């Protein structure tokens, strides 16, 4: 699974970071940093919770394209 963020919607609240800190980070400027754009093995539930918990609906999960990592 791949993760994407709509930066026009993200307000940097940090809910995603609190739910999946190995994937999401809010930097010193309040901007979301994706530590990876691919869901790490064993962390799908945490990332799904972050996507569902985003109040601005800035996060999306989608299938990786065939042949991509």
N, C-alpha and C. Protein backbone atom coordinates (compact mmCIF):
# COMPACT_ATOMS: atom_id res chain seq x y z
N UNK A 1 0.84 -1.18 0.00
CA UNK A 1 0.00 0.00 0.00
C UNK A 1 0.89 1.24 0.00
N UNK A 2 0.41 2.25 -0.69
CA UNK A 2 1.12 3.52 -0.77
C UNK A 2 0.33 4.57 0.01
N UNK A 3 1.04 5.57 0.50
CA UNK A 3 0.45 6.67 1.25
C UNK A 3 0.66 7.94 0.45
N UNK A 4 -0.36 8.78 0.39
CA UNK A 4 -0.19 10.09 -0.23
C UNK A 4 -0.84 11.13 0.67
N UNK A 5 -0.36 12.35 0.53
CA UNK A 5 -0.89 13.46 1.32
C UNK A 5 -1.25 14.60 0.39
N UNK A 6 -2.42 15.18 0.61
CA UNK A 6 -2.84 16.38 -0.11
C UNK A 6 -2.39 17.56 0.74
N UNK A 7 -1.30 18.16 0.34
CA UNK A 7 -0.71 19.24 1.15
C UNK A 7 -1.57 20.50 1.19
N UNK A 8 -2.53 20.60 0.28
CA UNK A 8 -3.45 21.75 0.34
C UNK A 8 -4.47 21.57 1.45
N UNK A 9 -4.66 20.34 1.92
CA UNK A 9 -5.62 20.06 3.00
C UNK A 9 -4.96 19.91 4.37
N UNK A 10 -3.71 19.47 4.39
CA UNK A 10 -3.02 19.18 5.66
C UNK A 10 -2.77 20.47 6.43
N UNK A 11 -3.16 20.45 7.71
CA UNK A 11 -2.94 21.62 8.57
C UNK A 11 -1.90 21.36 9.64
N UNK A 12 -1.28 20.18 9.63
CA UNK A 12 -0.20 19.89 10.57
C UNK A 12 -0.64 19.66 12.00
N UNK A 13 -1.84 19.14 12.20
CA UNK A 13 -2.33 18.89 13.56
C UNK A 13 -1.53 17.82 14.29
N UNK A 14 -1.00 16.86 13.56
CA UNK A 14 -0.14 15.84 14.17
C UNK A 14 -0.85 14.59 14.65
N UNK A 15 -2.13 14.45 14.34
CA UNK A 15 -2.85 13.24 14.74
C UNK A 15 -2.19 12.02 14.09
N UNK A 16 -1.85 12.14 12.82
CA UNK A 16 -1.22 11.02 12.11
C UNK A 16 0.11 10.64 12.76
N UNK A 17 0.87 11.65 13.17
CA UNK A 17 2.16 11.39 13.80
C UNK A 17 1.98 10.64 15.12
N UNK A 18 0.95 10.99 15.87
CA UNK A 18 0.73 10.31 17.15
C UNK A 18 0.27 8.86 16.95
N UNK A 19 -0.42 8.58 15.85
CA UNK A 19 -0.93 7.24 15.59
C UNK A 19 0.08 6.34 14.86
N UNK A 20 0.92 6.93 14.04
CA UNK A 20 1.90 6.15 13.26
C UNK A 20 3.21 6.93 13.15
N UNK A 21 3.93 7.06 14.26
CA UNK A 21 5.14 7.90 14.27
C UNK A 21 6.29 7.38 13.41
N UNK A 22 6.25 6.12 13.02
CA UNK A 22 7.29 5.60 12.14
C UNK A 22 7.07 5.99 10.68
N UNK A 23 5.88 6.54 10.40
CA UNK A 23 5.52 6.88 9.02
C UNK A 23 5.37 8.39 8.84
N UNK A 24 4.78 9.05 9.83
CA UNK A 24 4.46 10.48 9.72
C UNK A 24 5.25 11.28 10.75
N UNK A 25 5.64 12.49 10.36
CA UNK A 25 6.32 13.40 11.27
C UNK A 25 5.92 14.83 10.93
N UNK A 26 5.65 15.62 11.95
CA UNK A 26 5.41 17.04 11.76
C UNK A 26 6.73 17.75 12.06
N UNK A 27 7.23 18.49 11.08
CA UNK A 27 8.53 19.14 11.26
C UNK A 27 8.39 20.43 12.07
N UNK A 28 9.50 21.10 12.27
CA UNK A 28 9.53 22.32 13.09
C UNK A 28 8.68 23.44 12.51
N UNK A 29 8.38 23.38 11.22
CA UNK A 29 7.54 24.39 10.57
C UNK A 29 6.06 24.02 10.60
N UNK A 30 5.75 22.86 11.18
CA UNK A 30 4.36 22.41 11.22
C UNK A 30 3.91 21.70 9.96
N UNK A 31 4.87 21.30 9.12
CA UNK A 31 4.55 20.61 7.87
C UNK A 31 4.69 19.10 8.05
N UNK A 32 3.81 18.36 7.40
CA UNK A 32 3.87 16.90 7.45
C UNK A 32 4.99 16.38 6.57
N UNK A 33 5.79 15.49 7.14
CA UNK A 33 6.84 14.80 6.42
C UNK A 33 6.48 13.32 6.40
N UNK A 34 6.41 12.74 5.22
CA UNK A 34 6.23 11.30 5.10
C UNK A 34 7.61 10.67 5.21
N UNK A 35 7.82 9.86 6.21
CA UNK A 35 9.11 9.18 6.36
C UNK A 35 9.26 8.11 5.28
N UNK A 36 8.14 7.62 4.76
CA UNK A 36 8.11 6.67 3.66
C UNK A 36 6.76 6.83 2.98
N UNK A 37 6.71 6.56 1.68
CA UNK A 37 5.41 6.63 1.00
C UNK A 37 4.78 5.25 0.84
N UNK A 38 5.47 4.24 1.40
CA UNK A 38 4.96 2.87 1.38
C UNK A 38 4.72 2.42 2.81
N UNK A 39 3.57 1.80 3.06
CA UNK A 39 3.25 1.35 4.41
C UNK A 39 4.22 0.24 4.81
N UNK A 40 4.95 0.43 5.91
CA UNK A 40 5.87 -0.60 6.37
C UNK A 40 5.12 -1.86 6.82
N UNK A 41 5.76 -2.99 6.65
CA UNK A 41 5.17 -4.26 7.06
C UNK A 41 4.80 -4.20 8.54
N UNK A 42 3.61 -4.64 8.85
CA UNK A 42 3.15 -4.68 10.23
C UNK A 42 2.56 -3.38 10.74
N UNK A 43 2.50 -2.33 9.90
CA UNK A 43 2.00 -1.04 10.37
C UNK A 43 0.74 -0.58 9.65
N UNK A 44 0.14 -1.48 8.89
CA UNK A 44 -1.05 -1.08 8.13
C UNK A 44 -2.16 -0.59 9.05
N UNK A 45 -2.40 -1.26 10.16
CA UNK A 45 -3.48 -0.85 11.07
C UNK A 45 -3.24 0.56 11.61
N UNK A 46 -2.00 0.88 11.98
CA UNK A 46 -1.68 2.21 12.49
C UNK A 46 -1.86 3.28 11.42
N UNK A 47 -1.41 2.97 10.20
CA UNK A 47 -1.54 3.93 9.11
C UNK A 47 -3.01 4.12 8.74
N UNK A 48 -3.78 3.04 8.71
CA UNK A 48 -5.22 3.16 8.44
C UNK A 48 -5.89 4.03 9.50
N UNK A 49 -5.51 3.86 10.77
CA UNK A 49 -6.07 4.69 11.84
C UNK A 49 -5.72 6.15 11.63
N UNK A 50 -4.50 6.42 11.18
CA UNK A 50 -4.08 7.80 10.91
C UNK A 50 -4.87 8.40 9.76
N UNK A 51 -5.06 7.62 8.69
CA UNK A 51 -5.83 8.10 7.54
C UNK A 51 -7.27 8.40 7.96
N UNK A 52 -7.87 7.46 8.68
CA UNK A 52 -9.26 7.64 9.12
C UNK A 52 -9.40 8.75 10.15
N UNK A 53 -8.33 8.99 10.94
CA UNK A 53 -8.39 10.00 11.98
C UNK A 53 -8.05 11.41 11.53
N UNK A 54 -7.65 11.56 10.28
CA UNK A 54 -7.27 12.89 9.78
C UNK A 54 -8.53 13.73 9.59
N UNK A 55 -8.69 14.80 10.38
CA UNK A 55 -9.91 15.60 10.29
C UNK A 55 -10.04 16.40 9.00
N UNK A 56 -8.94 16.61 8.29
CA UNK A 56 -9.00 17.36 7.03
C UNK A 56 -9.02 16.45 5.81
N UNK A 57 -9.00 15.13 6.05
CA UNK A 57 -9.00 14.13 4.98
C UNK A 57 -7.86 14.36 3.99
N UNK A 58 -6.69 14.70 4.53
CA UNK A 58 -5.52 14.98 3.69
C UNK A 58 -4.74 13.73 3.32
N UNK A 59 -5.00 12.63 4.01
CA UNK A 59 -4.24 11.40 3.78
C UNK A 59 -5.04 10.39 2.99
N UNK A 60 -4.34 9.64 2.12
CA UNK A 60 -4.97 8.60 1.31
C UNK A 60 -4.08 7.37 1.28
N UNK A 61 -4.72 6.22 1.27
CA UNK A 61 -4.05 4.94 1.04
C UNK A 61 -4.49 4.42 -0.31
N UNK A 62 -3.57 3.87 -1.07
CA UNK A 62 -3.94 3.29 -2.35
C UNK A 62 -2.98 2.16 -2.68
N UNK A 63 -3.41 1.29 -3.56
CA UNK A 63 -2.59 0.15 -3.96
C UNK A 63 -1.37 0.64 -4.74
N UNK A 64 -0.25 0.00 -4.48
CA UNK A 64 0.97 0.30 -5.24
C UNK A 64 0.78 -0.21 -6.67
N UNK A 65 1.37 0.49 -7.60
CA UNK A 65 1.33 0.05 -9.00
C UNK A 65 2.10 -1.25 -9.13
N UNK A 66 1.64 -2.16 -9.97
CA UNK A 66 2.38 -3.42 -10.17
C UNK A 66 3.82 -3.15 -10.59
N UNK A 67 4.74 -3.86 -9.95
CA UNK A 67 6.15 -3.71 -10.27
C UNK A 67 6.85 -2.62 -9.50
N UNK A 68 6.10 -1.82 -8.71
CA UNK A 68 6.75 -0.78 -7.91
C UNK A 68 6.96 -1.29 -6.50
N UNK A 69 7.89 -0.68 -5.79
CA UNK A 69 8.19 -1.11 -4.42
C UNK A 69 7.23 -0.50 -3.45
